[in-house]
Amino acid sequence: MAAEHKDFLPLTEALAELNRARLARDANAPCYAPSTAYGYAAAGRIPAERRGRAYFVRRADLPIVADRLPLGGRWPSAAAV
C-alpha cells in the first residue's frame, strides 16, 4: 500500500517537474499553467485523482498530462501590435 502512494505526485509538483524539463531544453519555452491543469483535472481531461482539496497524478502518467495540457503563451504587447 505504501508503494502505491509513492507513485503519486501532487499536481503542482508534477507541473513544476514538467516545466523544469521544458525550460532546461529551451529557456524561452512556454510553460504549463497550474490553473489550467486544475481545470483539466476537475473536468477529467487529464488522468488525476482527487484527495481532499488536492489533485494527484501518477508519475507514469506525466507524458499523458504533458500531451493533453495546452502550453501557456505570451500575449503580444500593445507596442508590438
Protein backbone atom coordinates (compact mmCIF):
# COMPACT_ATOMS: atom_id res chain seq x y z
CA MET A 1 0.00 0.00 0.00
CA ALA A 2 2.80 2.45 0.81
CA ALA A 3 4.49 1.79 -2.54
CA GLU A 4 1.25 2.70 -4.28
CA HIS A 5 1.21 6.18 -2.71
CA LYS A 6 4.86 6.87 -3.62
CA ASP A 7 3.86 6.68 -7.27
CA PHE A 8 1.57 9.72 -6.91
CA LEU A 9 2.68 13.37 -7.13
CA PRO A 10 0.64 16.42 -6.22
CA LEU A 11 -0.47 18.11 -9.44
CA THR A 12 1.52 21.26 -8.65
CA GLU A 13 4.74 19.24 -8.19
CA ALA A 14 4.06 17.34 -11.41
CA LEU A 15 3.66 20.63 -13.30
CA ALA A 16 6.84 22.00 -11.76
CA GLU A 17 8.71 18.90 -12.92
CA LEU A 18 7.28 19.17 -16.45
CA ASN A 19 8.06 22.90 -16.63
CA ARG A 20 11.65 22.40 -15.38
CA ALA A 21 12.20 19.82 -18.12
CA ARG A 22 10.81 22.20 -20.78
CA LEU A 23 12.89 25.13 -19.55
CA ALA A 24 16.05 23.01 -19.41
CA ARG A 25 15.69 22.43 -23.16
CA ASP A 26 14.68 25.99 -24.04
CA ALA A 27 14.81 28.92 -21.61
CA ASN A 28 12.08 30.79 -23.53
CA ALA A 29 9.67 27.85 -23.80
CA PRO A 30 6.05 28.35 -22.77
CA CYS A 31 5.05 26.53 -19.58
CA TYR A 32 2.02 24.71 -18.23
CA ALA A 33 -0.28 26.84 -16.06
CA PRO A 34 -1.48 25.39 -12.73
CA SER A 35 -4.94 26.97 -13.08
CA THR A 36 -5.45 25.28 -16.45
CA ALA A 37 -4.18 21.96 -15.12
CA TYR A 38 -6.59 22.07 -12.17
CA GLY A 39 -9.46 22.84 -14.55
CA TYR A 40 -8.50 19.93 -16.79
CA ALA A 41 -8.19 17.63 -13.76
CA ALA A 42 -11.62 18.66 -12.45
CA ALA A 43 -13.16 18.05 -15.88
CA GLY A 44 -11.48 14.66 -16.24
CA ARG A 45 -9.41 15.69 -19.26
CA ILE A 46 -6.16 14.54 -17.65
CA PRO A 47 -5.67 11.43 -15.50
CA ALA A 48 -5.78 12.70 -11.92
CA GLU A 49 -7.12 11.55 -8.59
CA ARG A 50 -8.68 13.94 -6.12
CA ARG A 51 -7.81 13.53 -2.46
CA GLY A 52 -9.37 16.15 -0.27
CA ARG A 53 -8.82 19.51 -1.91
CA ALA A 54 -5.78 18.49 -3.97
CA TYR A 55 -5.31 16.54 -7.18
CA PHE A 56 -2.64 13.90 -7.63
CA VAL A 57 -1.22 12.29 -10.76
CA ARG A 58 0.79 9.13 -11.22
CA ARG A 59 4.40 9.63 -12.19
CA ALA A 60 3.83 7.20 -15.06
CA ASP A 61 1.05 9.48 -16.41
CA LEU A 62 3.26 12.57 -16.73
CA PRO A 63 3.73 12.13 -20.51
CA ILE A 64 -0.06 11.89 -20.94
CA VAL A 65 -0.56 15.02 -18.84
CA ALA A 66 2.05 16.86 -20.90
CA ASP A 67 0.36 15.83 -24.16
CA ARG A 68 -3.13 16.87 -23.08
CA LEU A 69 -2.39 20.21 -21.40
CA PRO A 70 -2.06 23.32 -23.54
CA LEU A 71 1.07 25.37 -23.17
CA GLY A 72 0.81 28.94 -21.99
CA GLY A 73 1.95 31.58 -24.36
CA ARG A 74 2.85 35.19 -24.18
CA TRP A 75 0.36 37.71 -25.39
CA PRO A 76 1.82 40.29 -27.74
CA SER A 77 2.35 43.62 -26.08
CA ALA A 78 0.45 46.68 -27.23
CA ALA A 79 3.67 48.12 -28.65
CA ALA A 80 4.23 45.03 -30.83
CA VAL A 81 0.72 45.07 -32.33
